[in-house]
Amino acid sequence: MQHRIVVLGAGYTGAIAAGRLARRLHRADVAITLVNPEPDFVERVRLHQLATGQPLRYRPLHEMFAGTGVALKLAKVTAVDADRKTVSVTAVDGSGREELEYDTLVYALGSGWNDGGVPGVAAHAHDIASRPGALRLRDRLAALEAGRPVVVVGGGLTGLEAATEIAEARPDLAVSLAVRGALGDWLSKKGRAHLRTVVDRLGITVHEDTEVAAVAADSVTTADGRTLPAEVTVWTTGFAVHPVARATTLEVTDRGQIVVDGTMRSVSHPDVYAVGDAAMAIGPSDKPLRMSCASGVPMAWQAADAIAARLAGTKVPHLSIRYYQQCVSLGRKDGLIQFVTADDRAKDGAMTGRVAALYKELICKGATWGVANPTGGLPSRRRHVTRQEAGSHGRAEVAA
């Protein structure tokens, strides 16, 4: 019988892992099932563009995985039993619940919006952590009359991209940005200076050293008692991981991330691998990898190659996951590429302006290309599964 590999989630990490496994292993040896609630691939790094009315290309998963041998199951994951090695799903077509058995599980359910428990956020704020959230924000922005106030809360990458994209697309709105510290305080001197120039040019009002304590339908209240007018509030202060893992016997962190080793294998359940935002992996300088596409893509490569090697009975490769840059789009015509150390600290060097915007666009296109071409441009050597690693579901060993 075939070794059953189930991949949960078809975001950047899950889709890359599934496709890479399909290219690394022979179809006769493995059955790969990719579970996702939506029929198409969502470019999450472009959701701020979607929120401002820019159309995104439709990318059907069945076309992306055509001819790979990966079976696509459109369903929502409701539970994982890591001891029984089963996944409970509910089909999106209404056909009911189903239980999937696996020999190897790749958990890539990612993360979503985090309201931080701040009063009023869930009821009144908007998010761009998901396509439905971005579409709701798009409709709300489109309905706003000129001069109406929009407040973006959060000064990280998502907040900066949202604020500048909205201000560029709708210069008639009064856009402001509320950040806890100083604007771009994690950037280099050059990066901070360019960011300040851009927000000033776009007419964005920046509220520095500002923590938002509550959100209402038409305003936000700061921790120091100020009231900021906000016809629309966009909340971008962080992400929360998918809750399924926390309800399992898998070892997870306080945030609900699955604790993995250097090969992205669960430290408590060796038949489970976790990648992307769902995993807590250690990077350079013994620091946890941050939730980002920059972390998730190499994590997916590592997990897929480790699974393939273990099934084939060959040496497990170890990929050195490190950072090189942080890429920020500042509208469609400007950008900022902050070069960083291996452990993600800003260097003095930064690329800015139109060239940086083009560079960021190439990064986004490259990430999507990696989903459809999961070997990352490297030669693919298919491997046969060995009986020792596959257990009762394996085949006799064949030379790789």
Protein backbone atom coordinates (compact mmCIF):
# COMPACT_ATOMS: atom_id res chain seq x y z
CA MET A 1 0.00 0.00 0.00
CA GLN A 2 1.02 3.61 -0.53
CA HIS A 3 2.41 5.81 2.23
CA ARG A 4 -0.31 8.36 2.97
CA ILE A 5 0.81 11.98 3.26
CA VAL A 6 -1.82 14.56 4.20
CA VAL A 7 -1.00 18.27 3.92
CA LEU A 8 -3.28 20.69 5.75
CA GLY A 9 -3.52 24.13 4.19
CA ALA A 10 -2.67 25.37 0.70
CA GLY A 11 -1.13 28.71 1.52
CA TYR A 12 2.47 29.38 0.53
CA THR A 13 3.95 26.75 2.85
CA GLY A 14 1.41 23.97 2.46
CA ALA A 15 1.20 24.26 -1.32
CA ILE A 16 4.98 24.34 -1.68
CA ALA A 17 5.42 21.35 0.63
CA ALA A 18 2.80 19.28 -1.24
CA GLY A 19 4.23 20.05 -4.66
CA ARG A 20 7.81 19.49 -3.57
CA LEU A 21 6.91 16.12 -2.05
CA ALA A 22 5.20 15.14 -5.28
CA ARG A 23 8.37 15.94 -7.19
CA ARG A 24 10.62 14.16 -4.71
CA LEU A 25 8.69 10.88 -4.40
CA HIS A 26 7.28 8.37 -6.88
CA ARG A 27 3.51 8.30 -7.26
CA ALA A 28 3.44 4.53 -6.92
CA ASP A 29 4.89 4.87 -3.42
CA VAL A 30 2.90 7.73 -1.91
CA ALA A 31 -0.61 9.20 -1.89
CA ILE A 32 -0.49 12.95 -1.26
CA THR A 33 -3.70 14.73 -0.24
CA LEU A 34 -3.83 18.52 0.05
CA VAL A 35 -6.70 19.82 2.18
CA ASN A 36 -7.87 23.42 1.74
CA PRO A 37 -11.22 25.17 2.20
CA GLU A 38 -10.86 27.34 -0.90
CA PRO A 39 -10.38 26.17 -4.51
CA ASP A 40 -7.71 28.71 -5.37
CA PHE A 41 -4.38 29.92 -4.08
CA VAL A 42 -4.55 33.23 -2.22
CA GLU A 43 -1.58 35.59 -2.48
CA ARG A 44 -1.67 36.74 1.11
CA VAL A 45 1.20 39.19 0.62
CA ARG A 46 -1.02 41.14 -1.81
CA LEU A 47 -4.17 41.44 0.30
CA HIS A 48 -3.52 45.13 0.97
CA GLN A 49 -3.80 45.60 -2.79
CA LEU A 50 -7.08 43.70 -2.88
CA ALA A 51 -8.40 45.90 -0.07
CA THR A 52 -7.88 49.01 -2.19
CA GLY A 53 -9.78 47.62 -5.16
CA GLN A 54 -6.95 46.13 -7.20
CA PRO A 55 -7.91 42.79 -8.80
CA LEU A 56 -5.74 39.79 -8.03
CA ARG A 57 -5.16 36.99 -10.48
CA TYR A 58 -7.30 33.90 -9.90
CA ARG A 59 -5.08 30.84 -9.42
CA PRO A 60 -7.09 27.58 -9.26
CA LEU A 61 -5.34 24.93 -7.20
CA HIS A 62 -6.51 22.12 -9.46
CA GLU A 63 -4.65 23.77 -12.33
CA MET A 64 -1.54 24.44 -10.27
CA PHE A 65 -1.33 20.79 -9.21
CA ALA A 66 -2.48 19.25 -12.48
CA GLY A 67 -0.29 16.29 -13.40
CA THR A 68 1.56 16.21 -10.06
CA GLY A 69 -0.42 13.38 -8.48
CA VAL A 70 -1.49 15.60 -5.56
CA ALA A 71 -5.16 15.04 -4.71
CA LEU A 72 -6.97 18.23 -3.74
CA LYS A 73 -9.72 17.96 -1.11
CA LEU A 74 -11.82 21.07 -0.61
CA ALA A 75 -12.67 20.90 3.07
CA LYS A 76 -12.27 22.67 6.38
CA VAL A 77 -10.11 21.02 9.02
CA THR A 78 -12.02 20.66 12.28
CA ALA A 79 -9.73 18.42 14.35
CA VAL A 80 -6.48 16.47 14.35
CA ASP A 81 -5.98 13.33 16.43
CA ALA A 82 -2.20 13.03 16.52
CA ASP A 83 -2.32 9.76 18.48
CA ARG A 84 -4.77 7.98 16.17
CA LYS A 85 -3.16 9.70 13.14
CA THR A 86 -6.43 11.03 11.76
CA VAL A 87 -7.76 14.38 10.56
CA SER A 88 -11.44 15.35 10.75
CA VAL A 89 -12.67 17.57 7.92
CA THR A 90 -15.96 19.05 6.74
CA ALA A 91 -16.45 19.23 2.98
CA VAL A 92 -17.17 22.70 1.63
CA ASP A 93 -19.77 21.31 -0.80
CA GLY A 94 -21.99 20.34 2.13
CA SER A 95 -21.49 16.60 1.72
CA GLY A 96 -20.65 16.22 5.40
CA ARG A 97 -17.79 15.22 7.66
CA GLU A 98 -14.99 12.81 6.86
CA GLU A 99 -12.02 11.34 8.68
CA LEU A 100 -8.71 11.13 6.83
CA GLU A 101 -6.02 8.70 7.96
CA TYR A 102 -2.38 9.57 7.47
CA ASP A 103 1.07 8.08 7.86
CA THR A 104 2.76 11.50 7.64
CA LEU A 105 1.02 14.80 8.33
CA VAL A 106 2.21 18.24 7.20
CA TYR A 107 0.42 20.87 9.28
CA ALA A 108 0.37 24.21 7.45
CA LEU A 109 -2.85 25.86 8.61
CA GLY A 110 -1.04 29.14 9.17
CA SER A 111 -2.42 32.11 11.03
CA GLY A 112 -5.21 34.65 10.92
CA TRP A 113 -6.29 37.92 12.41
CA ASN A 114 -5.43 38.65 16.05
CA ASP A 115 -7.68 41.19 17.75
CA GLY A 116 -5.46 41.09 20.85
CA GLY A 117 -8.49 41.06 23.10
CA VAL A 118 -8.86 44.83 22.71
CA PRO A 119 -12.47 45.93 23.29
CA GLY A 120 -14.36 46.72 20.10
CA VAL A 121 -11.80 45.35 17.65
CA ALA A 122 -13.75 42.23 16.68
CA ALA A 123 -16.97 44.21 16.27
CA HIS A 124 -15.74 47.35 14.55
CA ALA A 125 -12.25 46.94 13.05
CA HIS A 126 -11.24 45.48 9.70
CA ASP A 127 -8.45 43.03 8.89
CA ILE A 128 -6.36 42.16 5.85
CA ALA A 129 -5.10 38.83 7.18
CA SER A 130 -7.58 36.92 5.02
CA ARG A 131 -9.27 37.39 1.65
CA PRO A 132 -12.76 37.75 3.18
CA GLY A 133 -11.39 40.43 5.49
CA ALA A 134 -9.68 42.27 2.63
CA LEU A 135 -12.87 42.14 0.56
CA ARG A 136 -14.96 43.56 3.40
CA LEU A 137 -12.44 46.38 3.81
CA ARG A 138 -12.48 47.00 0.05
CA ASP A 139 -16.26 47.46 0.08
CA ARG A 140 -16.12 49.70 3.14
CA LEU A 141 -13.41 51.94 1.69
CA ALA A 142 -15.25 52.19 -1.61
CA ALA A 143 -18.31 53.50 0.22
CA LEU A 144 -16.41 56.25 2.06
CA GLU A 145 -16.91 59.85 1.01
CA ALA A 146 -13.96 62.17 0.54
CA GLY A 147 -12.37 63.51 3.70
CA ARG A 148 -13.48 60.66 5.95
CA PRO A 149 -10.89 59.42 8.51
CA VAL A 150 -9.22 56.01 8.27
CA VAL A 151 -6.95 54.78 11.07
CA VAL A 152 -4.50 51.92 10.56
CA VAL A 153 -3.36 50.44 13.87
CA GLY A 154 0.06 48.76 13.87
CA GLY A 155 3.45 49.88 12.61
CA GLY A 156 4.84 46.58 11.34
CA LEU A 157 5.13 45.47 7.72
CA THR A 158 1.40 44.86 7.31
CA GLY A 159 0.42 48.18 8.85
CA LEU A 160 2.87 50.17 6.74
CA GLU A 161 1.77 48.49 3.54
CA ALA A 162 -1.93 48.96 4.37
CA ALA A 163 -1.60 52.64 5.29
CA THR A 164 0.49 53.61 2.26
CA GLU A 165 -1.62 51.56 -0.16
CA ILE A 166 -4.86 53.16 1.08
CA ALA A 167 -3.37 56.67 1.08
CA GLU A 168 -2.06 56.27 -2.46
CA ALA A 169 -5.26 54.73 -3.83
CA ARG A 170 -7.54 57.19 -2.00
CA PRO A 171 -5.69 60.50 -1.55
CA ASP A 172 -9.06 62.08 -0.75
CA LEU A 173 -9.27 60.21 2.58
CA ALA A 174 -7.69 61.32 5.86
CA VAL A 175 -5.41 58.35 6.56
CA SER A 176 -3.53 58.04 9.85
CA LEU A 177 -1.26 55.42 11.36
CA ALA A 178 -1.09 54.58 15.07
CA VAL A 179 2.14 52.89 16.20
CA ARG A 180 3.27 51.88 19.68
CA GLY A 181 6.81 53.18 19.36
CA ALA A 182 8.53 55.44 16.87
CA LEU A 183 7.70 55.11 13.19
CA GLY A 184 9.91 52.39 11.69
CA ASP A 185 11.99 52.05 14.86
CA TRP A 186 13.07 48.57 13.70
CA LEU A 187 14.59 49.98 10.49
CA SER A 188 18.02 51.43 9.77
CA LYS A 189 18.56 55.20 9.79
CA LYS A 190 18.24 55.28 6.00
CA GLY A 191 15.12 53.13 6.11
CA ARG A 192 13.45 55.30 8.75
CA ALA A 193 14.25 58.48 6.83
CA HIS A 194 12.77 57.13 3.61
CA LEU A 195 9.67 55.84 5.36
CA ARG A 196 9.10 59.26 6.91
CA THR A 197 9.48 60.91 3.52
CA VAL A 198 6.90 58.59 1.96
CA VAL A 199 4.26 58.96 4.66
CA ASP A 200 4.65 62.73 4.57
CA ARG A 201 4.33 62.77 0.79
CA LEU A 202 1.18 60.63 0.98
CA GLY A 203 -0.30 62.86 3.66
CA ILE A 204 -0.47 60.15 6.33
CA THR A 205 -0.72 61.44 9.90
CA VAL A 206 1.43 59.33 12.22
CA HIS A 207 0.54 58.92 15.90
CA GLU A 208 3.75 57.64 17.50
CA ASP A 209 4.04 56.11 20.98
CA THR A 210 0.33 55.38 20.75
CA GLU A 211 -1.36 52.25 22.06
CA VAL A 212 -5.00 51.76 21.11
CA ALA A 213 -7.11 50.64 24.07
CA ALA A 214 -10.55 50.42 22.44
CA VAL A 215 -12.25 50.66 19.05
CA ALA A 216 -15.71 52.08 18.38
CA ALA A 217 -17.71 52.35 15.18
CA ASP A 218 -16.45 55.88 14.50
CA SER A 219 -13.30 56.27 16.60
CA VAL A 220 -10.44 54.66 18.46
CA THR A 221 -9.47 55.43 22.05
CA THR A 222 -5.81 55.47 23.02
CA ALA A 223 -4.34 54.22 26.27
CA ASP A 224 -3.65 57.81 27.35
CA GLY A 225 -7.28 58.80 26.88
CA ARG A 226 -7.24 60.48 23.47
CA THR A 227 -10.00 59.89 20.90
CA LEU A 228 -9.00 59.58 17.25
CA PRO A 229 -11.80 59.87 14.64
CA ALA A 230 -12.01 56.69 12.57
CA GLU A 231 -14.76 56.02 10.06
CA VAL A 232 -12.76 52.87 9.28
CA THR A 233 -10.23 51.18 11.57
CA VAL A 234 -7.76 48.67 10.08
CA TRP A 235 -6.21 46.40 12.74
CA THR A 236 -2.75 45.04 11.87
CA THR A 237 -1.07 44.44 15.23
CA GLY A 238 -0.18 40.78 14.71
CA PHE A 239 -1.39 37.30 13.82
CA ALA A 240 -2.92 34.42 15.76
CA VAL A 241 -2.21 30.82 14.73
CA HIS A 242 -4.98 28.46 13.69
CA PRO A 243 -6.56 26.96 16.86
CA VAL A 244 -6.68 23.29 15.82
CA ALA A 245 -3.17 22.38 17.04
CA ARG A 246 -3.83 23.66 20.55
CA ALA A 247 -6.63 21.09 20.94
CA THR A 248 -4.33 18.15 20.15
CA THR A 249 -1.72 16.22 22.13
CA LEU A 250 1.02 17.80 20.03
CA GLU A 251 3.54 19.87 21.98
CA VAL A 252 2.70 23.50 21.33
CA THR A 253 3.81 26.89 22.63
CA ASP A 254 1.69 29.31 24.60
CA ARG A 255 0.68 30.84 21.26
CA GLY A 256 -0.47 27.46 19.93
CA GLN A 257 2.44 26.90 17.54
CA ILE A 258 3.67 23.33 17.10
CA VAL A 259 7.19 22.91 18.48
CA VAL A 260 9.46 21.41 15.81
CA ASP A 261 13.10 20.45 15.41
CA GLY A 262 15.47 21.66 12.71
CA THR A 263 13.79 19.47 10.09
CA MET A 264 10.33 20.86 10.95
CA ARG A 265 9.36 17.59 12.62
CA SER A 266 7.19 17.72 15.74
CA VAL A 267 9.26 17.09 18.87
CA SER A 268 6.38 15.09 20.37
CA HIS A 269 4.96 13.23 17.34
CA PRO A 270 7.58 12.21 14.73
CA ASP A 271 4.96 11.53 12.03
CA VAL A 272 3.86 15.17 12.12
CA TYR A 273 5.66 18.09 10.47
CA ALA A 274 4.66 21.72 10.86
CA VAL A 275 5.65 24.66 8.65
CA GLY A 276 4.99 28.36 8.36
CA ASP A 277 3.19 30.41 10.99
CA ALA A 278 1.84 27.21 12.58
CA ALA A 279 5.33 26.10 13.68
CA MET A 280 7.76 27.30 16.31
CA ALA A 281 11.19 26.72 14.81
CA ILE A 282 14.52 28.09 15.98
CA GLY A 283 16.61 30.13 13.57
CA PRO A 284 19.95 31.96 13.72
CA SER A 285 21.18 33.12 17.15
CA ASP A 286 18.69 30.68 18.72
CA LYS A 287 15.82 33.06 17.96
CA PRO A 288 12.38 31.80 16.87
CA LEU A 289 11.67 32.33 13.20
CA ARG A 290 9.16 35.13 12.75
CA MET A 291 5.75 34.62 11.16
CA SER A 292 6.37 35.53 7.54
CA CYS A 293 6.58 34.22 4.01
CA ALA A 294 10.35 34.66 4.28
CA SER A 295 10.39 32.03 7.04
CA GLY A 296 7.63 29.79 5.76
CA VAL A 297 8.96 29.03 2.29
CA PRO A 298 12.34 27.58 3.37
CA MET A 299 10.54 25.78 6.22
CA ALA A 300 8.37 24.06 3.60
CA TRP A 301 11.45 23.12 1.55
CA GLN A 302 13.10 21.68 4.65
CA ALA A 303 10.08 19.65 5.73
CA ALA A 304 9.43 18.20 2.27
CA ASP A 305 13.05 17.23 1.74
CA ALA A 306 13.30 15.71 5.22
CA ILE A 307 10.15 13.63 4.69
CA ALA A 308 11.34 12.44 1.29
CA ALA A 309 14.77 11.51 2.64
CA ARG A 310 13.40 9.63 5.63
CA LEU A 311 10.95 7.70 3.48
CA ALA A 312 13.71 6.84 1.02
CA GLY A 313 16.15 5.89 3.78
CA THR A 314 18.72 8.47 2.69
CA LYS A 315 20.56 11.20 4.56
CA VAL A 316 18.27 13.96 5.78
CA PRO A 317 19.36 17.37 4.45
CA HIS A 318 19.45 20.34 6.80
CA LEU A 319 18.70 23.74 5.33
CA SER A 320 20.17 26.80 7.01
CA ILE A 321 17.20 29.16 7.34
CA ARG A 322 18.33 32.75 7.65
CA TYR A 323 17.15 36.22 6.69
CA TYR A 324 18.53 38.60 4.09
CA GLN A 325 16.02 41.45 3.83
CA GLN A 326 12.63 42.76 4.85
CA CYS A 327 10.60 43.95 1.88
CA VAL A 328 7.96 46.66 2.26
CA SER A 329 5.76 48.03 -0.50
CA LEU A 330 4.85 51.67 0.08
CA GLY A 331 2.09 51.94 -2.48
CA ARG A 332 2.55 50.84 -6.09
CA LYS A 333 5.33 53.31 -6.93
CA ASP A 334 7.58 53.19 -3.90
CA GLY A 335 9.15 50.63 -1.63
CA LEU A 336 11.74 49.86 1.00
CA ILE A 337 14.10 46.91 1.10
CA GLN A 338 15.77 46.78 4.49
CA PHE A 339 18.81 44.51 4.46
CA VAL A 340 19.15 42.50 7.67
CA THR A 341 21.49 40.14 9.47
CA ALA A 342 20.93 36.39 9.49
CA ASP A 343 18.86 36.77 12.67
CA ASP A 344 16.73 39.59 11.21
CA ARG A 345 18.36 42.72 12.67
CA ALA A 346 18.57 45.78 10.44
CA LYS A 347 21.86 46.56 8.72
CA ASP A 348 22.83 50.05 7.61
CA GLY A 349 22.05 49.28 3.99
CA ALA A 350 18.60 49.76 2.45
CA MET A 351 17.15 50.04 -1.05
CA THR A 352 14.45 52.66 -1.53
CA GLY A 353 12.14 54.22 -4.07
CA ARG A 354 10.96 52.90 -7.41
CA VAL A 355 13.74 50.32 -7.64
CA ALA A 356 12.71 48.93 -4.27
CA ALA A 357 9.09 48.73 -5.42
CA LEU A 358 10.13 46.72 -8.47
CA TYR A 359 12.31 44.50 -6.28
CA LYS A 360 9.39 43.83 -3.92
CA GLU A 361 7.18 42.98 -6.89
CA LEU A 362 9.75 40.42 -8.03
CA ILE A 363 9.78 38.94 -4.51
CA CYS A 364 5.99 38.58 -4.54
CA LYS A 365 5.99 37.01 -8.00
CA GLY A 366 8.82 34.70 -6.97
CA ALA A 367 6.91 33.48 -3.93
CA THR A 368 3.92 32.61 -6.09
CA TRP A 369 6.13 31.00 -8.72
CA GLY A 370 7.55 28.84 -5.94
CA VAL A 371 4.10 27.43 -5.24
CA ALA A 372 3.72 26.26 -8.83
CA ASN A 373 7.39 25.23 -9.04
CA PRO A 374 8.08 23.83 -5.57
CA THR A 375 11.59 22.53 -6.24
CA GLY A 376 12.69 26.14 -6.14
CA GLY A 377 14.54 25.75 -9.41
CA LEU A 378 16.73 22.96 -8.04
CA PRO A 379 17.13 19.61 -9.79
CA SER A 380 14.51 17.11 -8.61
CA ARG A 381 15.58 13.55 -7.91
CA ARG A 382 12.61 11.29 -7.24
CA ARG A 383 13.08 8.76 -4.45
CA HIS A 384 11.35 5.46 -3.73
CA VAL A 385 9.92 4.81 -0.29
CA THR A 386 11.62 2.10 1.77
CA ARG A 387 9.76 -0.48 3.84
CA GLN A 388 11.67 0.49 6.99
CA GLU A 389 10.48 4.09 7.07
CA ALA A 390 7.03 3.58 5.56
CA GLY A 391 6.08 0.78 7.96
CA SER A 392 3.08 -1.30 6.94
CA HIS A 393 2.25 1.14 4.15
CA GLY A 394 5.63 1.00 2.43
CA ARG A 395 7.03 -0.69 -0.66
CA ALA A 396 10.15 -2.73 -1.10
CA GLU A 397 13.25 -0.57 -1.34
CA VAL A 398 14.34 0.53 -4.79
CA ALA A 399 17.48 2.49 -5.53
CA ALA A 400 16.85 6.22 -5.43
